[in-house]
All heavy atoms as atom14 arrays in JSON, in Angstrom:
{
  "sequence": "EAYTSFASVYDTFMDNVPYREWGEMIRGLLRRYGVE",
  "atom14_mask": [
    [1, 1, 1, 1, 1, 1, 1, 1, 1, 0, 0, 0, 0, 0],
    [1, 1, 1, 1, 1, 0, 0, 0, 0, 0, 0, 0, 0, 0],
    [1, 1, 1, 1, 1, 1, 1, 1, 1, 1, 1, 1, 0, 0],
    [1, 1, 1, 1, 1, 1, 1, 0, 0, 0, 0, 0, 0, 0],
    [1, 1, 1, 1, 1, 1, 0, 0, 0, 0, 0, 0, 0, 0],
    [1, 1, 1, 1, 1, 1, 1, 1, 1, 1, 1, 0, 0, 0],
    [1, 1, 1, 1, 1, 0, 0, 0, 0, 0, 0, 0, 0, 0],
    [1, 1, 1, 1, 1, 1, 0, 0, 0, 0, 0, 0, 0, 0],
    [1, 1, 1, 1, 1, 1, 1, 0, 0, 0, 0, 0, 0, 0],
    [1, 1, 1, 1, 1, 1, 1, 1, 1, 1, 1, 1, 0, 0],
    [1, 1, 1, 1, 1, 1, 1, 1, 0, 0, 0, 0, 0, 0],
    [1, 1, 1, 1, 1, 1, 1, 0, 0, 0, 0, 0, 0, 0],
    [1, 1, 1, 1, 1, 1, 1, 1, 1, 1, 1, 0, 0, 0],
    [1, 1, 1, 1, 1, 1, 1, 1, 0, 0, 0, 0, 0, 0],
    [1, 1, 1, 1, 1, 1, 1, 1, 0, 0, 0, 0, 0, 0],
    [1, 1, 1, 1, 1, 1, 1, 1, 0, 0, 0, 0, 0, 0],
    [1, 1, 1, 1, 1, 1, 1, 0, 0, 0, 0, 0, 0, 0],
    [1, 1, 1, 1, 1, 1, 1, 0, 0, 0, 0, 0, 0, 0],
    [1, 1, 1, 1, 1, 1, 1, 1, 1, 1, 1, 1, 0, 0],
    [1, 1, 1, 1, 1, 1, 1, 1, 1, 1, 1, 0, 0, 0],
    [1, 1, 1, 1, 1, 1, 1, 1, 1, 0, 0, 0, 0, 0],
    [1, 1, 1, 1, 1, 1, 1, 1, 1, 1, 1, 1, 1, 1],
    [1, 1, 1, 1, 0, 0, 0, 0, 0, 0, 0, 0, 0, 0],
    [1, 1, 1, 1, 1, 1, 1, 1, 1, 0, 0, 0, 0, 0],
    [1, 1, 1, 1, 1, 1, 1, 1, 0, 0, 0, 0, 0, 0],
    [1, 1, 1, 1, 1, 1, 1, 1, 0, 0, 0, 0, 0, 0],
    [1, 1, 1, 1, 1, 1, 1, 1, 1, 1, 1, 0, 0, 0],
    [1, 1, 1, 1, 0, 0, 0, 0, 0, 0, 0, 0, 0, 0],
    [1, 1, 1, 1, 1, 1, 1, 1, 0, 0, 0, 0, 0, 0],
    [1, 1, 1, 1, 1, 1, 1, 1, 0, 0, 0, 0, 0, 0],
    [1, 1, 1, 1, 1, 1, 1, 1, 1, 1, 1, 0, 0, 0],
    [1, 1, 1, 1, 1, 1, 1, 1, 1, 1, 1, 0, 0, 0],
    [1, 1, 1, 1, 1, 1, 1, 1, 1, 1, 1, 1, 0, 0],
    [1, 1, 1, 1, 0, 0, 0, 0, 0, 0, 0, 0, 0, 0],
    [1, 1, 1, 1, 1, 1, 1, 0, 0, 0, 0, 0, 0, 0],
    [1, 1, 1, 1, 1, 1, 1, 1, 1, 0, 0, 0, 0, 0]
  ],
  "atom14_positions": [
    [[-60.67, -3.12, 2.93], [-61.97, -3.16, 3.53], [-62.33, -1.82, 4.16], [-61.49, -1.11, 4.69], [-62.03, -4.25, 4.61], [-61.85, -5.66, 4.06], [-62.08, -6.7, 5.14], [-62.88, -6.42, 6.06], [-61.48, -7.76, 5.07], [0.0, 0.0, 0.0], [0.0, 0.0, 0.0], [0.0, 0.0, 0.0], [0.0, 0.0, 0.0], [0.0, 0.0, 0.0]],
    [[-63.61, -1.49, 4.08], [-64.09, -0.27, 4.73], [-64.39, -0.57, 6.2], [-64.76, -1.69, 6.55], [-65.36, 0.23, 4.03], [0.0, 0.0, 0.0], [0.0, 0.0, 0.0], [0.0, 0.0, 0.0], [0.0, 0.0, 0.0], [0.0, 0.0, 0.0], [0.0, 0.0, 0.0], [0.0, 0.0, 0.0], [0.0, 0.0, 0.0], [0.0, 0.0, 0.0]],
    [[-64.22, 0.45, 7.03], [-64.62, 0.3, 8.43], [-66.14, 0.16, 8.48], [-66.87, 0.87, 7.81], [-64.21, 1.53, 9.24], [-62.74, 1.59, 9.55], [-61.9, 2.46, 8.86], [-62.2, 0.79, 10.55], [-60.55, 2.54, 9.17], [-60.84, 0.86, 10.86], [-60.03, 1.74, 10.16], [-58.7, 1.81, 10.46], [0.0, 0.0, 0.0], [0.0, 0.0, 0.0]],
    [[-66.63, -0.75, 9.31], [-68.07, -0.91, 9.49], [-68.44, -0.64, 10.94], [-68.64, 0.49, 11.32], [-68.51, -2.32, 9.03], [-67.69, -3.31, 9.7], [-68.32, -2.48, 7.53], [0.0, 0.0, 0.0], [0.0, 0.0, 0.0], [0.0, 0.0, 0.0], [0.0, 0.0, 0.0], [0.0, 0.0, 0.0], [0.0, 0.0, 0.0], [0.0, 0.0, 0.0]],
    [[-68.51, -1.7, 11.76], [-68.89, -1.49, 13.16], [-67.89, -0.62, 13.91], [-68.24, 0.1, 14.84], [-69.07, -2.84, 13.86], [-67.92, -3.65, 13.7], [0.0, 0.0, 0.0], [0.0, 0.0, 0.0], [0.0, 0.0, 0.0], [0.0, 0.0, 0.0], [0.0, 0.0, 0.0], [0.0, 0.0, 0.0], [0.0, 0.0, 0.0], [0.0, 0.0, 0.0]],
    [[-66.6, -0.68, 13.52], [-65.57, 0.1, 14.21], [-65.78, 1.59, 14.0], [-65.32, 2.41, 14.81], [-64.2, -0.32, 13.72], [-63.06, 0.2, 14.55], [-63.14, 0.26, 15.93], [-61.89, 0.63, 13.94], [-62.08, 0.74, 16.7], [-60.82, 1.1, 14.7], [-60.93, 1.16, 16.08], [0.0, 0.0, 0.0], [0.0, 0.0, 0.0], [0.0, 0.0, 0.0]],
    [[-66.47, 1.97, 12.92], [-66.65, 3.39, 12.62], [-67.33, 4.12, 13.76], [-66.99, 5.27, 14.07], [-67.46, 3.55, 11.33], [0.0, 0.0, 0.0], [0.0, 0.0, 0.0], [0.0, 0.0, 0.0], [0.0, 0.0, 0.0], [0.0, 0.0, 0.0], [0.0, 0.0, 0.0], [0.0, 0.0, 0.0], [0.0, 0.0, 0.0], [0.0, 0.0, 0.0]],
    [[-68.28, 3.47, 14.42], [-69.06, 4.14, 15.46], [-68.22, 4.49, 16.69], [-68.59, 5.38, 17.45], [-70.25, 3.26, 15.88], [-69.79, 2.04, 16.45], [0.0, 0.0, 0.0], [0.0, 0.0, 0.0], [0.0, 0.0, 0.0], [0.0, 0.0, 0.0], [0.0, 0.0, 0.0], [0.0, 0.0, 0.0], [0.0, 0.0, 0.0], [0.0, 0.0, 0.0]],
    [[-67.12, 3.79, 16.89], [-66.27, 4.06, 18.06], [-64.86, 4.49, 17.64], [-63.97, 4.6, 18.48], [-66.19, 2.82, 18.98], [-67.54, 2.53, 19.59], [-65.66, 1.59, 18.22], [0.0, 0.0, 0.0], [0.0, 0.0, 0.0], [0.0, 0.0, 0.0], [0.0, 0.0, 0.0], [0.0, 0.0, 0.0], [0.0, 0.0, 0.0], [0.0, 0.0, 0.0]],
    [[-64.66, 4.73, 16.36], [-63.34, 5.07, 15.84], [-62.75, 6.27, 16.56], [-61.6, 6.25, 17.02], [-63.43, 5.32, 14.34], [-62.11, 5.67, 13.68], [-61.23, 4.66, 13.28], [-61.76, 7.0, 13.44], [-60.03, 4.98, 12.67], [-60.56, 7.32, 12.84], [-59.7, 6.31, 12.44], [-58.51, 6.62, 11.85], [0.0, 0.0, 0.0], [0.0, 0.0, 0.0]],
    [[-63.51, 7.35, 16.67], [-62.99, 8.57, 17.28], [-62.68, 8.36, 18.76], [-61.76, 8.99, 19.29], [-63.98, 9.72, 17.11], [-63.98, 10.27, 15.68], [-63.0, 10.03, 14.96], [-64.96, 10.93, 15.3], [0.0, 0.0, 0.0], [0.0, 0.0, 0.0], [0.0, 0.0, 0.0], [0.0, 0.0, 0.0], [0.0, 0.0, 0.0], [0.0, 0.0, 0.0]],
    [[-63.43, 7.5, 19.42], [-63.17, 7.23, 20.83], [-61.78, 6.63, 21.01], [-61.01, 7.05, 21.88], [-64.23, 6.26, 21.4], [-65.51, 6.87, 21.3], [-63.93, 5.94, 22.86], [0.0, 0.0, 0.0], [0.0, 0.0, 0.0], [0.0, 0.0, 0.0], [0.0, 0.0, 0.0], [0.0, 0.0, 0.0], [0.0, 0.0, 0.0], [0.0, 0.0, 0.0]],
    [[-61.46, 5.65, 20.17], [-60.18, 4.98, 20.32], [-59.02, 5.74, 19.67], [-57.86, 5.42, 19.9], [-60.25, 3.56, 19.75], [-61.09, 2.63, 20.57], [-62.22, 2.04, 20.05], [-60.76, 2.37, 21.89], [-62.99, 1.19, 20.82], [-61.53, 1.51, 22.67], [-62.66, 0.92, 22.13], [0.0, 0.0, 0.0], [0.0, 0.0, 0.0], [0.0, 0.0, 0.0]],
    [[-59.34, 6.75, 18.89], [-58.3, 7.55, 18.24], [-58.08, 8.88, 18.94], [-57.46, 9.78, 18.39], [-58.67, 7.79, 16.77], [-58.75, 6.53, 15.93], [-57.15, 5.75, 15.67], [-56.5, 6.81, 14.37], [0.0, 0.0, 0.0], [0.0, 0.0, 0.0], [0.0, 0.0, 0.0], [0.0, 0.0, 0.0], [0.0, 0.0, 0.0], [0.0, 0.0, 0.0]],
    [[-58.57, 9.0, 20.18], [-58.45, 10.28, 20.86], [-57.02, 10.6, 21.29], [-56.75, 11.69, 21.78], [-59.4, 10.35, 22.06], [-59.11, 9.29, 23.12], [-58.14, 8.51, 22.94], [-59.86, 9.23, 24.12], [0.0, 0.0, 0.0], [0.0, 0.0, 0.0], [0.0, 0.0, 0.0], [0.0, 0.0, 0.0], [0.0, 0.0, 0.0], [0.0, 0.0, 0.0]],
    [[-56.12, 9.64, 21.12], [-54.7, 9.9, 21.42], [-53.94, 10.39, 20.19], [-52.75, 10.69, 20.28], [-54.02, 8.64, 21.97], [-54.04, 7.48, 20.97], [-54.91, 7.44, 20.1], [-53.11, 6.56, 21.11], [0.0, 0.0, 0.0], [0.0, 0.0, 0.0], [0.0, 0.0, 0.0], [0.0, 0.0, 0.0], [0.0, 0.0, 0.0], [0.0, 0.0, 0.0]],
    [[-54.59, 10.46, 19.05], [-53.94, 10.94, 17.84], [-53.86, 12.47, 17.87], [-54.9, 13.13, 18.06], [-54.71, 10.48, 16.58], [-54.11, 11.1, 15.32], [-54.7, 8.95, 16.48], [0.0, 0.0, 0.0], [0.0, 0.0, 0.0], [0.0, 0.0, 0.0], [0.0, 0.0, 0.0], [0.0, 0.0, 0.0], [0.0, 0.0, 0.0], [0.0, 0.0, 0.0]],
    [[-52.69, 13.04, 17.69], [-52.54, 14.51, 17.79], [-52.99, 15.21, 16.51], [-52.19, 15.85, 15.81], [-51.05, 14.69, 18.04], [-50.41, 13.53, 17.35], [-51.38, 12.38, 17.51], [0.0, 0.0, 0.0], [0.0, 0.0, 0.0], [0.0, 0.0, 0.0], [0.0, 0.0, 0.0], [0.0, 0.0, 0.0], [0.0, 0.0, 0.0], [0.0, 0.0, 0.0]],
    [[-54.28, 15.12, 16.21], [-54.78, 15.7, 14.97], [-54.45, 17.19, 14.86], [-54.08, 17.67, 13.78], [-56.31, 15.52, 14.87], [-56.76, 14.13, 14.5], [-57.44, 13.34, 15.42], [-56.53, 13.62, 13.23], [-57.87, 12.06, 15.08], [-56.97, 12.35, 12.87], [-57.63, 11.57, 13.81], [-58.06, 10.32, 13.47], [0.0, 0.0, 0.0], [0.0, 0.0, 0.0]],
    [[-54.61, 17.92, 15.96], [-54.38, 19.36, 15.9], [-52.92, 19.65, 15.57], [-52.62, 20.52, 14.75], [-54.78, 20.0, 17.23], [-54.67, 21.51, 17.26], [-55.56, 22.18, 16.22], [-56.97, 21.9, 16.41], [-57.92, 22.37, 15.61], [-57.59, 23.12, 14.56], [-59.19, 22.07, 15.83], [0.0, 0.0, 0.0], [0.0, 0.0, 0.0], [0.0, 0.0, 0.0]],
    [[-52.0, 18.92, 16.2], [-50.57, 19.12, 15.91], [-50.26, 18.75, 14.47], [-49.51, 19.45, 13.79], [-49.73, 18.27, 16.86], [-49.79, 18.71, 18.31], [-48.98, 17.81, 19.2], [-48.1, 17.09, 18.69], [-49.23, 17.79, 20.43], [0.0, 0.0, 0.0], [0.0, 0.0, 0.0], [0.0, 0.0, 0.0], [0.0, 0.0, 0.0], [0.0, 0.0, 0.0]],
    [[-50.82, 17.64, 14.02], [-50.6, 17.23, 12.62], [-51.18, 18.26, 11.67], [-50.6, 18.54, 10.62], [-51.22, 15.87, 12.37], [-50.49, 14.72, 13.02], [-49.37, 14.79, 13.79], [-50.84, 13.33, 12.95], [-49.0, 13.53, 14.21], [-49.87, 12.62, 13.71], [-51.86, 12.63, 12.34], [-49.91, 11.23, 13.87], [-51.91, 11.24, 12.49], [-50.94, 10.56, 13.25]],
    [[-52.35, 18.81, 12.03], [-52.95, 19.83, 11.18], [-52.07, 21.06, 11.05], [-51.92, 21.62, 9.96], [0.0, 0.0, 0.0], [0.0, 0.0, 0.0], [0.0, 0.0, 0.0], [0.0, 0.0, 0.0], [0.0, 0.0, 0.0], [0.0, 0.0, 0.0], [0.0, 0.0, 0.0], [0.0, 0.0, 0.0], [0.0, 0.0, 0.0], [0.0, 0.0, 0.0]],
    [[-51.49, 21.49, 12.17], [-50.56, 22.63, 12.13], [-49.35, 22.31, 11.26], [-48.88, 23.14, 10.49], [-50.11, 22.97, 13.55], [-51.17, 23.65, 14.39], [-51.35, 25.1, 14.03], [-50.53, 25.63, 13.25], [-52.32, 25.72, 14.51], [0.0, 0.0, 0.0], [0.0, 0.0, 0.0], [0.0, 0.0, 0.0], [0.0, 0.0, 0.0], [0.0, 0.0, 0.0]],
    [[-48.85, 21.09, 11.39], [-47.7, 20.67, 10.59], [-48.04, 20.69, 9.1], [-47.27, 21.2, 8.28], [-47.27, 19.27, 11.01], [-46.15, 18.66, 10.18], [-46.14, 16.86, 10.31], [-47.63, 16.42, 9.4], [0.0, 0.0, 0.0], [0.0, 0.0, 0.0], [0.0, 0.0, 0.0], [0.0, 0.0, 0.0], [0.0, 0.0, 0.0], [0.0, 0.0, 0.0]],
    [[-49.22, 20.14, 8.76], [-49.61, 20.09, 7.35], [-49.83, 21.5, 6.81], [-49.4, 21.82, 5.69], [-50.89, 19.23, 7.19], [-50.55, 17.75, 7.44], [-51.49, 19.41, 5.8], [-51.77, 16.85, 7.51], [0.0, 0.0, 0.0], [0.0, 0.0, 0.0], [0.0, 0.0, 0.0], [0.0, 0.0, 0.0], [0.0, 0.0, 0.0], [0.0, 0.0, 0.0]],
    [[-50.46, 22.35, 7.58], [-50.64, 23.73, 7.12], [-49.3, 24.4, 6.89], [-49.12, 25.12, 5.9], [-51.46, 24.54, 8.14], [-51.65, 26.0, 7.69], [-52.63, 26.77, 8.53], [-52.18, 26.97, 9.9], [-52.71, 27.88, 10.73], [-53.7, 28.64, 10.31], [-52.26, 28.0, 11.97], [0.0, 0.0, 0.0], [0.0, 0.0, 0.0], [0.0, 0.0, 0.0]],
    [[-48.34, 24.14, 7.78], [-47.01, 24.71, 7.6], [-46.35, 24.21, 6.33], [-45.72, 25.0, 5.59], [0.0, 0.0, 0.0], [0.0, 0.0, 0.0], [0.0, 0.0, 0.0], [0.0, 0.0, 0.0], [0.0, 0.0, 0.0], [0.0, 0.0, 0.0], [0.0, 0.0, 0.0], [0.0, 0.0, 0.0], [0.0, 0.0, 0.0], [0.0, 0.0, 0.0]],
    [[-46.49, 22.92, 6.04], [-45.91, 22.38, 4.82], [-46.59, 22.95, 3.59], [-45.92, 23.32, 2.61], [-46.04, 20.85, 4.82], [-45.12, 20.09, 5.77], [-45.53, 18.62, 5.86], [-43.66, 20.19, 5.32], [0.0, 0.0, 0.0], [0.0, 0.0, 0.0], [0.0, 0.0, 0.0], [0.0, 0.0, 0.0], [0.0, 0.0, 0.0], [0.0, 0.0, 0.0]],
    [[-47.92, 23.05, 3.61], [-48.63, 23.6, 2.46], [-48.21, 25.04, 2.2], [-47.97, 25.44, 1.06], [-50.14, 23.51, 2.69], [-50.75, 22.1, 2.75], [-52.25, 22.18, 3.0], [-50.47, 21.32, 1.48], [0.0, 0.0, 0.0], [0.0, 0.0, 0.0], [0.0, 0.0, 0.0], [0.0, 0.0, 0.0], [0.0, 0.0, 0.0], [0.0, 0.0, 0.0]],
    [[-48.09, 25.81, 3.26], [-47.66, 27.21, 3.09], [-46.24, 27.29, 2.56], [-45.93, 28.17, 1.74], [-47.77, 27.93, 4.43], [-49.19, 28.27, 4.84], [-49.23, 28.98, 6.18], [-50.53, 29.56, 6.45], [-50.82, 30.24, 7.55], [-49.89, 30.4, 8.49], [-52.03, 30.76, 7.72], [0.0, 0.0, 0.0], [0.0, 0.0, 0.0], [0.0, 0.0, 0.0]],
    [[-45.39, 26.39, 3.02], [-44.0, 26.4, 2.56], [-43.94, 26.2, 1.05], [-43.05, 26.73, 0.37], [-43.2, 25.31, 3.25], [-41.7, 25.35, 2.91], [-40.98, 24.1, 3.37], [-41.21, 23.82, 4.78], [-40.81, 22.69, 5.37], [-40.21, 21.74, 4.65], [-41.04, 22.48, 6.65], [0.0, 0.0, 0.0], [0.0, 0.0, 0.0], [0.0, 0.0, 0.0]],
    [[-44.88, 25.41, 0.53], [-44.9, 25.14, -0.91], [-45.9, 26.02, -1.65], [-46.29, 25.72, -2.78], [-45.2, 23.66, -1.15], [-44.05, 22.76, -0.74], [-44.03, 22.15, 0.51], [-42.97, 22.56, -1.59], [-42.97, 21.34, 0.89], [-41.91, 21.75, -1.22], [-41.91, 21.14, 0.02], [-40.85, 20.35, 0.41], [0.0, 0.0, 0.0], [0.0, 0.0, 0.0]],
    [[-46.31, 27.11, -0.99], [-47.1, 28.12, -1.68], [-48.59, 27.9, -1.72], [-49.3, 28.61, -2.44], [0.0, 0.0, 0.0], [0.0, 0.0, 0.0], [0.0, 0.0, 0.0], [0.0, 0.0, 0.0], [0.0, 0.0, 0.0], [0.0, 0.0, 0.0], [0.0, 0.0, 0.0], [0.0, 0.0, 0.0], [0.0, 0.0, 0.0], [0.0, 0.0, 0.0]],
    [[-49.11, 26.94, -0.96], [-50.55, 26.68, -0.95], [-51.15, 27.37, 0.28], [-51.23, 26.8, 1.37], [-50.85, 25.17, -0.92], [-52.36, 24.93, -0.99], [-50.15, 24.46, -2.08], [0.0, 0.0, 0.0], [0.0, 0.0, 0.0], [0.0, 0.0, 0.0], [0.0, 0.0, 0.0], [0.0, 0.0, 0.0], [0.0, 0.0, 0.0], [0.0, 0.0, 0.0]],
    [[-51.57, 28.6, 0.09], [-52.15, 29.39, 1.18], [-53.66, 29.25, 1.24], [-54.28, 29.48, 2.28], [-51.79, 30.87, 0.99], [-50.31, 31.18, 0.98], [-49.75, 31.32, 2.39], [-50.55, 31.32, 3.34], [-48.52, 31.45, 2.52], [0.0, 0.0, 0.0], [0.0, 0.0, 0.0], [0.0, 0.0, 0.0], [0.0, 0.0, 0.0], [0.0, 0.0, 0.0]]
  ]
}
């Protein structure tokens, strides 16, 4: 199922997700495998 009413408040309740840290991790992995 797609998010419907929850979409409008999704970011509010996901503010504890470390997106920036995960982004750094993913960039590090991509670079390790040659995807610059």
